[in-house]
Amino acid sequence: YETVGEEFESNTSIGMATRKGDAALQSS
């Protein structure tokens, strides 16, 4: 394989996810 062109969307953030409103686990 090889890569071509420039890197794109270089500030894309990735994260862990919790259920909506699960403040306790988010805080932990």
mmCIF file of all heavy atoms, coordinates in Angstrom:
data_MODEL
# 
_entry.id   MODEL 
# 
loop_
_atom_site.group_PDB 
_atom_site.id 
_atom_site.type_symbol 
_atom_site.label_atom_id 
_atom_site.label_alt_id 
_atom_site.label_comp_id 
_atom_site.label_asym_id 
_atom_site.label_entity_id 
_atom_site.label_seq_id 
_atom_site.pdbx_PDB_ins_code 
_atom_site.Cartn_x 
_atom_site.Cartn_y 
_atom_site.Cartn_z 
_atom_site.occupancy 
_atom_site.B_iso_or_equiv 
_atom_site.pdbx_formal_charge 
_atom_site.auth_seq_id 
_atom_site.auth_comp_id 
_atom_site.auth_asym_id 
_atom_site.auth_atom_id 
_atom_site.pdbx_PDB_model_num 
ATOM 1   N N   . TYR A 1 1  ? 0.833   -1.201 0.000  1.00 0.00 ? 1  TYR A N   1 
ATOM 2   C CA  . TYR A 1 1  ? 0.000   0.000  0.000  1.00 0.00 ? 1  TYR A CA  1 
ATOM 3   C C   . TYR A 1 1  ? 0.870   1.254  0.000  1.00 0.00 ? 1  TYR A C   1 
ATOM 4   O O   . TYR A 1 1  ? 2.043   1.221  0.382  1.00 0.00 ? 1  TYR A O   1 
ATOM 5   C CB  . TYR A 1 1  ? -0.896  0.043  1.237  1.00 0.00 ? 1  TYR A CB  1 
ATOM 6   C CG  . TYR A 1 1  ? -1.784  -1.162 1.431  1.00 0.00 ? 1  TYR A CG  1 
ATOM 7   C CD1 . TYR A 1 1  ? -1.426  -2.181 2.314  1.00 0.00 ? 1  TYR A CD1 1 
ATOM 8   C CD2 . TYR A 1 1  ? -2.987  -1.279 0.747  1.00 0.00 ? 1  TYR A CD2 1 
ATOM 9   C CE1 . TYR A 1 1  ? -2.255  -3.287 2.509  1.00 0.00 ? 1  TYR A CE1 1 
ATOM 10  C CE2 . TYR A 1 1  ? -3.821  -2.377 0.931  1.00 0.00 ? 1  TYR A CE2 1 
ATOM 11  C CZ  . TYR A 1 1  ? -3.446  -3.380 1.814  1.00 0.00 ? 1  TYR A CZ  1 
ATOM 12  O OH  . TYR A 1 1  ? -4.253  -4.461 1.992  1.00 0.00 ? 1  TYR A OH  1 
ATOM 13  N N   . GLU A 1 2  ? 0.257   2.374  -0.370 1.00 0.00 ? 2  GLU A N   1 
ATOM 14  C CA  . GLU A 1 2  ? 0.892   3.676  -0.197 1.00 0.00 ? 2  GLU A CA  1 
ATOM 15  C C   . GLU A 1 2  ? -0.199  4.718  0.021  1.00 0.00 ? 2  GLU A C   1 
ATOM 16  O O   . GLU A 1 2  ? -1.366  4.502  -0.328 1.00 0.00 ? 2  GLU A O   1 
ATOM 17  C CB  . GLU A 1 2  ? 1.761   4.054  -1.396 1.00 0.00 ? 2  GLU A CB  1 
ATOM 18  C CG  . GLU A 1 2  ? 1.011   4.280  -2.695 1.00 0.00 ? 2  GLU A CG  1 
ATOM 19  C CD  . GLU A 1 2  ? 1.948   4.706  -3.828 1.00 0.00 ? 2  GLU A CD  1 
ATOM 20  O OE1 . GLU A 1 2  ? 2.533   3.807  -4.469 1.00 0.00 ? 2  GLU A OE1 1 
ATOM 21  O OE2 . GLU A 1 2  ? 2.066   5.929  -4.061 1.00 0.00 ? 2  GLU A OE2 1 
ATOM 22  N N   . THR A 1 3  ? 0.186   5.823  0.630  1.00 0.00 ? 3  THR A N   1 
ATOM 23  C CA  . THR A 1 3  ? -0.753  6.929  0.820  1.00 0.00 ? 3  THR A CA  1 
ATOM 24  C C   . THR A 1 3  ? -0.517  7.967  -0.262 1.00 0.00 ? 3  THR A C   1 
ATOM 25  O O   . THR A 1 3  ? 0.605   8.127  -0.760 1.00 0.00 ? 3  THR A O   1 
ATOM 26  C CB  . THR A 1 3  ? -0.588  7.577  2.206  1.00 0.00 ? 3  THR A CB  1 
ATOM 27  O OG1 . THR A 1 3  ? 0.761   8.035  2.354  1.00 0.00 ? 3  THR A OG1 1 
ATOM 28  C CG2 . THR A 1 3  ? -0.906  6.583  3.309  1.00 0.00 ? 3  THR A CG2 1 
ATOM 29  N N   . VAL A 1 4  ? -1.592  8.665  -0.622 1.00 0.00 ? 4  VAL A N   1 
ATOM 30  C CA  . VAL A 1 4  ? -1.496  9.708  -1.641 1.00 0.00 ? 4  VAL A CA  1 
ATOM 31  C C   . VAL A 1 4  ? -2.185  10.968 -1.146 1.00 0.00 ? 4  VAL A C   1 
ATOM 32  O O   . VAL A 1 4  ? -3.128  10.920 -0.362 1.00 0.00 ? 4  VAL A O   1 
ATOM 33  C CB  . VAL A 1 4  ? -2.116  9.252  -2.987 1.00 0.00 ? 4  VAL A CB  1 
ATOM 34  C CG1 . VAL A 1 4  ? -1.316  8.122  -3.583 1.00 0.00 ? 4  VAL A CG1 1 
ATOM 35  C CG2 . VAL A 1 4  ? -3.580  8.852  -2.820 1.00 0.00 ? 4  VAL A CG2 1 
ATOM 36  N N   . GLY A 1 5  ? -1.701  12.114 -1.610 1.00 0.00 ? 5  GLY A N   1 
ATOM 37  C CA  . GLY A 1 5  ? -2.296  13.379 -1.228 1.00 0.00 ? 5  GLY A CA  1 
ATOM 38  C C   . GLY A 1 5  ? -1.954  13.772 0.193  1.00 0.00 ? 5  GLY A C   1 
ATOM 39  O O   . GLY A 1 5  ? -1.160  13.123 0.882  1.00 0.00 ? 5  GLY A O   1 
ATOM 40  N N   . GLU A 1 6  ? -2.570  14.830 0.642  1.00 0.00 ? 6  GLU A N   1 
ATOM 41  C CA  . GLU A 1 6  ? -2.332  15.361 1.983  1.00 0.00 ? 6  GLU A CA  1 
ATOM 42  C C   . GLU A 1 6  ? -3.258  14.709 3.005  1.00 0.00 ? 6  GLU A C   1 
ATOM 43  O O   . GLU A 1 6  ? -4.319  14.185 2.665  1.00 0.00 ? 6  GLU A O   1 
ATOM 44  C CB  . GLU A 1 6  ? -2.568  16.875 1.994  1.00 0.00 ? 6  GLU A CB  1 
ATOM 45  C CG  . GLU A 1 6  ? -1.647  17.661 1.062  1.00 0.00 ? 6  GLU A CG  1 
ATOM 46  C CD  . GLU A 1 6  ? -0.199  17.572 1.479  1.00 0.00 ? 6  GLU A CD  1 
ATOM 47  O OE1 . GLU A 1 6  ? 0.077   17.568 2.696  1.00 0.00 ? 6  GLU A OE1 1 
ATOM 48  O OE2 . GLU A 1 6  ? 0.680   17.514 0.580  1.00 0.00 ? 6  GLU A OE2 1 
ATOM 49  N N   . GLU A 1 7  ? -2.837  14.744 4.260  1.00 0.00 ? 7  GLU A N   1 
ATOM 50  C CA  . GLU A 1 7  ? -3.722  14.332 5.346  1.00 0.00 ? 7  GLU A CA  1 
ATOM 51  C C   . GLU A 1 7  ? -4.957  15.232 5.321  1.00 0.00 ? 7  GLU A C   1 
ATOM 52  O O   . GLU A 1 7  ? -4.854  16.426 5.038  1.00 0.00 ? 7  GLU A O   1 
ATOM 53  C CB  . GLU A 1 7  ? -2.984  14.480 6.686  1.00 0.00 ? 7  GLU A CB  1 
ATOM 54  C CG  . GLU A 1 7  ? -3.787  14.024 7.890  1.00 0.00 ? 7  GLU A CG  1 
ATOM 55  C CD  . GLU A 1 7  ? -3.018  14.199 9.190  1.00 0.00 ? 7  GLU A CD  1 
ATOM 56  O OE1 . GLU A 1 7  ? -2.738  15.375 9.545  1.00 0.00 ? 7  GLU A OE1 1 
ATOM 57  O OE2 . GLU A 1 7  ? -2.695  13.199 9.850  1.00 0.00 ? 7  GLU A OE2 1 
ATOM 58  N N   . PHE A 1 8  ? -6.128  14.659 5.601  1.00 0.00 ? 8  PHE A N   1 
ATOM 59  C CA  . PHE A 1 8  ? -7.351  15.474 5.611  1.00 0.00 ? 8  PHE A CA  1 
ATOM 60  C C   . PHE A 1 8  ? -8.088  15.321 6.942  1.00 0.00 ? 8  PHE A C   1 
ATOM 61  O O   . PHE A 1 8  ? -7.891  14.361 7.671  1.00 0.00 ? 8  PHE A O   1 
ATOM 62  C CB  . PHE A 1 8  ? -8.268  15.129 4.430  1.00 0.00 ? 8  PHE A CB  1 
ATOM 63  C CG  . PHE A 1 8  ? -8.735  13.697 4.369  1.00 0.00 ? 8  PHE A CG  1 
ATOM 64  C CD1 . PHE A 1 8  ? -9.926  13.316 4.965  1.00 0.00 ? 8  PHE A CD1 1 
ATOM 65  C CD2 . PHE A 1 8  ? -8.001  12.727 3.697  1.00 0.00 ? 8  PHE A CD2 1 
ATOM 66  C CE1 . PHE A 1 8  ? -10.385 12.002 4.904  1.00 0.00 ? 8  PHE A CE1 1 
ATOM 67  C CE2 . PHE A 1 8  ? -8.440  11.413 3.619  1.00 0.00 ? 8  PHE A CE2 1 
ATOM 68  C CZ  . PHE A 1 8  ? -9.629  11.045 4.229  1.00 0.00 ? 8  PHE A CZ  1 
ATOM 69  N N   . GLU A 1 9  ? -8.913  16.327 7.239  1.00 0.00 ? 9  GLU A N   1 
ATOM 70  C CA  . GLU A 1 9  ? -9.656  16.381 8.505  1.00 0.00 ? 9  GLU A CA  1 
ATOM 71  C C   . GLU A 1 9  ? -8.722  16.066 9.668  1.00 0.00 ? 9  GLU A C   1 
ATOM 72  O O   . GLU A 1 9  ? -8.991  15.213 10.518 1.00 0.00 ? 9  GLU A O   1 
ATOM 73  C CB  . GLU A 1 9  ? -10.865 15.440 8.460  1.00 0.00 ? 9  GLU A CB  1 
ATOM 74  C CG  . GLU A 1 9  ? -11.875 15.841 7.399  1.00 0.00 ? 9  GLU A CG  1 
ATOM 75  C CD  . GLU A 1 9  ? -13.143 14.989 7.397  1.00 0.00 ? 9  GLU A CD  1 
ATOM 76  O OE1 . GLU A 1 9  ? -13.383 14.254 8.385  1.00 0.00 ? 9  GLU A OE1 1 
ATOM 77  O OE2 . GLU A 1 9  ? -13.900 15.052 6.409  1.00 0.00 ? 9  GLU A OE2 1 
ATOM 78  N N   . SER A 1 10 ? -7.622  16.814 9.726  1.00 0.00 ? 10 SER A N   1 
ATOM 79  C CA  . SER A 1 10 ? -6.540  16.510 10.669 1.00 0.00 ? 10 SER A CA  1 
ATOM 80  C C   . SER A 1 10 ? -6.859  16.863 12.117 1.00 0.00 ? 10 SER A C   1 
ATOM 81  O O   . SER A 1 10 ? -6.096  16.502 13.016 1.00 0.00 ? 10 SER A O   1 
ATOM 82  C CB  . SER A 1 10 ? -5.258  17.230 10.246 1.00 0.00 ? 10 SER A CB  1 
ATOM 83  O OG  . SER A 1 10 ? -5.470  18.623 10.148 1.00 0.00 ? 10 SER A OG  1 
ATOM 84  N N   . ASN A 1 11 ? -7.942  17.562 12.364 1.00 0.00 ? 11 ASN A N   1 
ATOM 85  C CA  . ASN A 1 11 ? -8.322  17.888 13.744 1.00 0.00 ? 11 ASN A CA  1 
ATOM 86  C C   . ASN A 1 11 ? -9.545  17.100 14.193 1.00 0.00 ? 11 ASN A C   1 
ATOM 87  O O   . ASN A 1 11 ? -10.290 17.532 15.078 1.00 0.00 ? 11 ASN A O   1 
ATOM 88  C CB  . ASN A 1 11 ? -8.591  19.391 13.892 1.00 0.00 ? 11 ASN A CB  1 
ATOM 89  C CG  . ASN A 1 11 ? -7.290  20.183 13.952 1.00 0.00 ? 11 ASN A CG  1 
ATOM 90  O OD1 . ASN A 1 11 ? -6.338  19.777 14.615 1.00 0.00 ? 11 ASN A OD1 1 
ATOM 91  N ND2 . ASN A 1 11 ? -7.239  21.286 13.228 1.00 0.00 ? 11 ASN A ND2 1 
ATOM 92  N N   . THR A 1 12 ? -9.758  15.942 13.596 1.00 0.00 ? 12 THR A N   1 
ATOM 93  C CA  . THR A 1 12 ? -10.868 15.091 13.991 1.00 0.00 ? 12 THR A CA  1 
ATOM 94  C C   . THR A 1 12 ? -10.597 14.526 15.387 1.00 0.00 ? 12 THR A C   1 
ATOM 95  O O   . THR A 1 12 ? -9.543  13.934 15.618 1.00 0.00 ? 12 THR A O   1 
ATOM 96  C CB  . THR A 1 12 ? -11.059 13.931 13.004 1.00 0.00 ? 12 THR A CB  1 
ATOM 97  O OG1 . THR A 1 12 ? -11.268 14.454 11.700 1.00 0.00 ? 12 THR A OG1 1 
ATOM 98  C CG2 . THR A 1 12 ? -12.245 13.072 13.398 1.00 0.00 ? 12 THR A CG2 1 
ATOM 99  N N   . SER A 1 13 ? -11.513 14.708 16.306 1.00 0.00 ? 13 SER A N   1 
ATOM 100 C CA  . SER A 1 13 ? -11.342 14.181 17.666 1.00 0.00 ? 13 SER A CA  1 
ATOM 101 C C   . SER A 1 13 ? -12.026 12.826 17.796 1.00 0.00 ? 13 SER A C   1 
ATOM 102 O O   . SER A 1 13 ? -13.069 12.574 17.188 1.00 0.00 ? 13 SER A O   1 
ATOM 103 C CB  . SER A 1 13 ? -11.927 15.138 18.699 1.00 0.00 ? 13 SER A CB  1 
ATOM 104 O OG  . SER A 1 13 ? -11.114 16.297 18.816 1.00 0.00 ? 13 SER A OG  1 
ATOM 105 N N   . ILE A 1 14 ? -11.400 11.948 18.567 1.00 0.00 ? 14 ILE A N   1 
ATOM 106 C CA  . ILE A 1 14 ? -12.016 10.669 18.894 1.00 0.00 ? 14 ILE A CA  1 
ATOM 107 C C   . ILE A 1 14 ? -12.227 10.611 20.402 1.00 0.00 ? 14 ILE A C   1 
ATOM 108 O O   . ILE A 1 14 ? -11.534 11.274 21.174 1.00 0.00 ? 14 ILE A O   1 
ATOM 109 C CB  . ILE A 1 14 ? -11.176 9.471  18.404 1.00 0.00 ? 14 ILE A CB  1 
ATOM 110 C CG1 . ILE A 1 14 ? -9.785  9.467  19.031 1.00 0.00 ? 14 ILE A CG1 1 
ATOM 111 C CG2 . ILE A 1 14 ? -11.086 9.483  16.900 1.00 0.00 ? 14 ILE A CG2 1 
ATOM 112 C CD1 . ILE A 1 14 ? -8.956  8.263  18.636 1.00 0.00 ? 14 ILE A CD1 1 
ATOM 113 N N   . GLY A 1 15 ? -13.207 9.819  20.810 1.00 0.00 ? 15 GLY A N   1 
ATOM 114 C CA  . GLY A 1 15 ? -13.515 9.791  22.233 1.00 0.00 ? 15 GLY A CA  1 
ATOM 115 C C   . GLY A 1 15 ? -14.189 8.503  22.673 1.00 0.00 ? 15 GLY A C   1 
ATOM 116 O O   . GLY A 1 15 ? -14.654 7.716  21.852 1.00 0.00 ? 15 GLY A O   1 
ATOM 117 N N   . MET A 1 16 ? -14.194 8.306  23.980 1.00 0.00 ? 16 MET A N   1 
ATOM 118 C CA  . MET A 1 16 ? -15.010 7.266  24.582 1.00 0.00 ? 16 MET A CA  1 
ATOM 119 C C   . MET A 1 16 ? -16.422 7.812  24.721 1.00 0.00 ? 16 MET A C   1 
ATOM 120 O O   . MET A 1 16 ? -16.612 9.025  24.829 1.00 0.00 ? 16 MET A O   1 
ATOM 121 C CB  . MET A 1 16 ? -14.439 6.875  25.946 1.00 0.00 ? 16 MET A CB  1 
ATOM 122 C CG  . MET A 1 16 ? -13.131 6.107  25.857 1.00 0.00 ? 16 MET A CG  1 
ATOM 123 S SD  . MET A 1 16 ? -12.307 5.934  27.463 1.00 0.00 ? 16 MET A SD  1 
ATOM 124 C CE  . MET A 1 16 ? -11.529 7.549  27.584 1.00 0.00 ? 16 MET A CE  1 
ATOM 125 N N   . ALA A 1 17 ? -17.404 6.931  24.727 1.00 0.00 ? 17 ALA A N   1 
ATOM 126 C CA  . ALA A 1 17 ? -18.793 7.383  24.772 1.00 0.00 ? 17 ALA A CA  1 
ATOM 127 C C   . ALA A 1 17 ? -19.544 6.712  25.904 1.00 0.00 ? 17 ALA A C   1 
ATOM 128 O O   . ALA A 1 17 ? -19.361 5.521  26.172 1.00 0.00 ? 17 ALA A O   1 
ATOM 129 C CB  . ALA A 1 17 ? -19.492 7.091  23.444 1.00 0.00 ? 17 ALA A CB  1 
ATOM 130 N N   . THR A 1 18 ? -20.395 7.492  26.557 1.00 0.00 ? 18 THR A N   1 
ATOM 131 C CA  . THR A 1 18 ? -21.295 6.980  27.592 1.00 0.00 ? 18 THR A CA  1 
ATOM 132 C C   . THR A 1 18 ? -22.725 7.301  27.177 1.00 0.00 ? 18 THR A C   1 
ATOM 133 O O   . THR A 1 18 ? -22.965 8.084  26.254 1.00 0.00 ? 18 THR A O   1 
ATOM 134 C CB  . THR A 1 18 ? -21.012 7.631  28.958 1.00 0.00 ? 18 THR A CB  1 
ATOM 135 O OG1 . THR A 1 18 ? -21.195 9.056  28.849 1.00 0.00 ? 18 THR A OG1 1 
ATOM 136 C CG2 . THR A 1 18 ? -19.588 7.346  29.412 1.00 0.00 ? 18 THR A CG2 1 
ATOM 137 N N   . ARG A 1 19 ? -23.677 6.686  27.876 1.00 0.00 ? 19 ARG A N   1 
ATOM 138 C CA  . ARG A 1 19 ? -25.075 6.987  27.585 1.00 0.00 ? 19 ARG A CA  1 
ATOM 139 C C   . ARG A 1 19 ? -25.381 8.454  27.886 1.00 0.00 ? 19 ARG A C   1 
ATOM 140 O O   . ARG A 1 19 ? -24.773 9.060  28.778 1.00 0.00 ? 19 ARG A O   1 
ATOM 141 C CB  . ARG A 1 19 ? -26.003 6.084  28.411 1.00 0.00 ? 19 ARG A CB  1 
ATOM 142 C CG  . ARG A 1 19 ? -26.236 4.726  27.794 1.00 0.00 ? 19 ARG A CG  1 
ATOM 143 C CD  . ARG A 1 19 ? -27.209 3.895  28.618 1.00 0.00 ? 19 ARG A CD  1 
ATOM 144 N NE  . ARG A 1 19 ? -26.624 3.519  29.896 1.00 0.00 ? 19 ARG A NE  1 
ATOM 145 C CZ  . ARG A 1 19 ? -25.765 2.522  30.064 1.00 0.00 ? 19 ARG A CZ  1 
ATOM 146 N NH1 . ARG A 1 19 ? -25.371 1.802  29.035 1.00 0.00 ? 19 ARG A NH1 1 
ATOM 147 N NH2 . ARG A 1 19 ? -25.291 2.247  31.258 1.00 0.00 ? 19 ARG A NH2 1 
ATOM 148 N N   . LYS A 1 20 ? -26.314 9.003  27.163 1.00 0.00 ? 20 LYS A N   1 
ATOM 149 C CA  . LYS A 1 20 ? -26.736 10.373 27.379 1.00 0.00 ? 20 LYS A CA  1 
ATOM 150 C C   . LYS A 1 20 ? -27.152 10.578 28.833 1.00 0.00 ? 20 LYS A C   1 
ATOM 151 O O   . LYS A 1 20 ? -27.955 9.821  29.378 1.00 0.00 ? 20 LYS A O   1 
ATOM 152 C CB  . LYS A 1 20 ? -27.916 10.713 26.461 1.00 0.00 ? 20 LYS A CB  1 
ATOM 153 C CG  . LYS A 1 20 ? -27.544 11.166 25.067 1.00 0.00 ? 20 LYS A CG  1 
ATOM 154 C CD  . LYS A 1 20 ? -26.900 12.538 25.101 1.00 0.00 ? 20 LYS A CD  1 
ATOM 155 C CE  . LYS A 1 20 ? -26.565 13.059 23.725 1.00 0.00 ? 20 LYS A CE  1 
ATOM 156 N NZ  . LYS A 1 20 ? -25.870 14.356 23.803 1.00 0.00 ? 20 LYS A NZ  1 
ATOM 157 N N   . GLY A 1 21 ? -26.585 11.595 29.444 1.00 0.00 ? 21 GLY A N   1 
ATOM 158 C CA  . GLY A 1 21 ? -26.968 11.958 30.797 1.00 0.00 ? 21 GLY A CA  1 
ATOM 159 C C   . GLY A 1 21 ? -26.310 11.150 31.898 1.00 0.00 ? 21 GLY A C   1 
ATOM 160 O O   . GLY A 1 21 ? -26.622 11.358 33.074 1.00 0.00 ? 21 GLY A O   1 
ATOM 161 N N   . ASP A 1 22 ? -25.400 10.239 31.566 1.00 0.00 ? 22 ASP A N   1 
ATOM 162 C CA  . ASP A 1 22 ? -24.727 9.432  32.593 1.00 0.00 ? 22 ASP A CA  1 
ATOM 163 C C   . ASP A 1 22 ? -23.594 10.250 33.203 1.00 0.00 ? 22 ASP A C   1 
ATOM 164 O O   . ASP A 1 22 ? -22.405 9.998  32.976 1.00 0.00 ? 22 ASP A O   1 
ATOM 165 C CB  . ASP A 1 22 ? -24.199 8.129  31.989 1.00 0.00 ? 22 ASP A CB  1 
ATOM 166 C CG  . ASP A 1 22 ? -23.735 7.136  33.044 1.00 0.00 ? 22 ASP A CG  1 
ATOM 167 O OD1 . ASP A 1 22 ? -23.605 7.526  34.224 1.00 0.00 ? 22 ASP A OD1 1 
ATOM 168 O OD2 . ASP A 1 22 ? -23.488 5.959  32.693 1.00 0.00 ? 22 ASP A OD2 1 
ATOM 169 N N   . ALA A 1 23 ? -23.975 11.238 34.009 1.00 0.00 ? 23 ALA A N   1 
ATOM 170 C CA  . ALA A 1 23 ? -23.000 12.179 34.566 1.00 0.00 ? 23 ALA A CA  1 
ATOM 171 C C   . ALA A 1 23 ? -22.018 11.508 35.512 1.00 0.00 ? 23 ALA A C   1 
ATOM 172 O O   . ALA A 1 23 ? -20.846 11.895 35.579 1.00 0.00 ? 23 ALA A O   1 
ATOM 173 C CB  . ALA A 1 23 ? -23.733 13.305 35.282 1.00 0.00 ? 23 ALA A CB  1 
ATOM 174 N N   . ALA A 1 24 ? -22.465 10.505 36.248 1.00 0.00 ? 24 ALA A N   1 
ATOM 175 C CA  . ALA A 1 24 ? -21.591 9.853  37.227 1.00 0.00 ? 24 ALA A CA  1 
ATOM 176 C C   . ALA A 1 24 ? -20.424 9.152  36.549 1.00 0.00 ? 24 ALA A C   1 
ATOM 177 O O   . ALA A 1 24 ? -19.267 9.312  36.951 1.00 0.00 ? 24 ALA A O   1 
ATOM 178 C CB  . ALA A 1 24 ? -22.392 8.865  38.066 1.00 0.00 ? 24 ALA A CB  1 
ATOM 179 N N   . LEU A 1 25 ? -20.705 8.372  35.503 1.00 0.00 ? 25 LEU A N   1 
ATOM 180 C CA  . LEU A 1 25 ? -19.631 7.671  34.815 1.00 0.00 ? 25 LEU A CA  1 
ATOM 181 C C   . LEU A 1 25 ? -18.767 8.657  34.032 1.00 0.00 ? 25 LEU A C   1 
ATOM 182 O O   . LEU A 1 25 ? -17.541 8.509  33.989 1.00 0.00 ? 25 LEU A O   1 
ATOM 183 C CB  . LEU A 1 25 ? -20.197 6.606  33.878 1.00 0.00 ? 25 LEU A CB  1 
ATOM 184 C CG  . LEU A 1 25 ? -19.155 5.718  33.190 1.00 0.00 ? 25 LEU A CG  1 
ATOM 185 C CD1 . LEU A 1 25 ? -18.243 5.041  34.209 1.00 0.00 ? 25 LEU A CD1 1 
ATOM 186 C CD2 . LEU A 1 25 ? -19.825 4.667  32.304 1.00 0.00 ? 25 LEU A CD2 1 
ATOM 187 N N   . GLN A 1 26 ? -19.378 9.657  33.426 1.00 0.00 ? 26 GLN A N   1 
ATOM 188 C CA  . GLN A 1 26 ? -18.598 10.694 32.742 1.00 0.00 ? 26 GLN A CA  1 
ATOM 189 C C   . GLN A 1 26 ? -17.572 11.315 33.689 1.00 0.00 ? 26 GLN A C   1 
ATOM 190 O O   . GLN A 1 26 ? -16.392 11.447 33.363 1.00 0.00 ? 26 GLN A O   1 
ATOM 191 C CB  . GLN A 1 26 ? -19.533 11.785 32.208 1.00 0.00 ? 26 GLN A CB  1 
ATOM 192 C CG  . GLN A 1 26 ? -20.167 11.497 30.880 1.00 0.00 ? 26 GLN A CG  1 
ATOM 193 C CD  . GLN A 1 26 ? -19.383 12.103 29.731 1.00 0.00 ? 26 GLN A CD  1 
ATOM 194 O OE1 . GLN A 1 26 ? -18.767 13.154 29.863 1.00 0.00 ? 26 GLN A OE1 1 
ATOM 195 N NE2 . GLN A 1 26 ? -19.388 11.419 28.600 1.00 0.00 ? 26 GLN A NE2 1 
ATOM 196 N N   . SER A 1 27 ? -18.031 11.695 34.884 1.00 0.00 ? 27 SER A N   1 
ATOM 197 C CA  . SER A 1 27 ? -17.147 12.324 35.856 1.00 0.00 ? 27 SER A CA  1 
ATOM 198 C C   . SER A 1 27 ? -16.015 11.392 36.267 1.00 0.00 ? 27 SER A C   1 
ATOM 199 O O   . SER A 1 27 ? -14.853 11.807 36.396 1.00 0.00 ? 27 SER A O   1 
ATOM 200 C CB  . SER A 1 27 ? -17.952 12.749 37.084 1.00 0.00 ? 27 SER A CB  1 
ATOM 201 O OG  . SER A 1 27 ? -17.125 13.358 38.057 1.00 0.00 ? 27 SER A OG  1 
ATOM 202 N N   . SER A 1 28 ? -16.348 10.108 36.459 1.00 0.00 ? 28 SER A N   1 
ATOM 203 C CA  . SER A 1 28 ? -15.332 9.134  36.869 1.00 0.00 ? 28 SER A CA  1 
ATOM 204 C C   . SER A 1 28 ? -14.259 8.966  35.798 1.00 0.00 ? 28 SER A C   1 
ATOM 205 O O   . SER A 1 28 ? -13.053 8.969  36.099 1.00 0.00 ? 28 SER A O   1 
ATOM 206 C CB  . SER A 1 28 ? -15.992 7.773  37.142 1.00 0.00 ? 28 SER A CB  1 
ATOM 207 O OG  . SER A 1 28 ? -16.857 7.839  38.250 1.00 0.00 ? 28 SER A OG  1 
# 
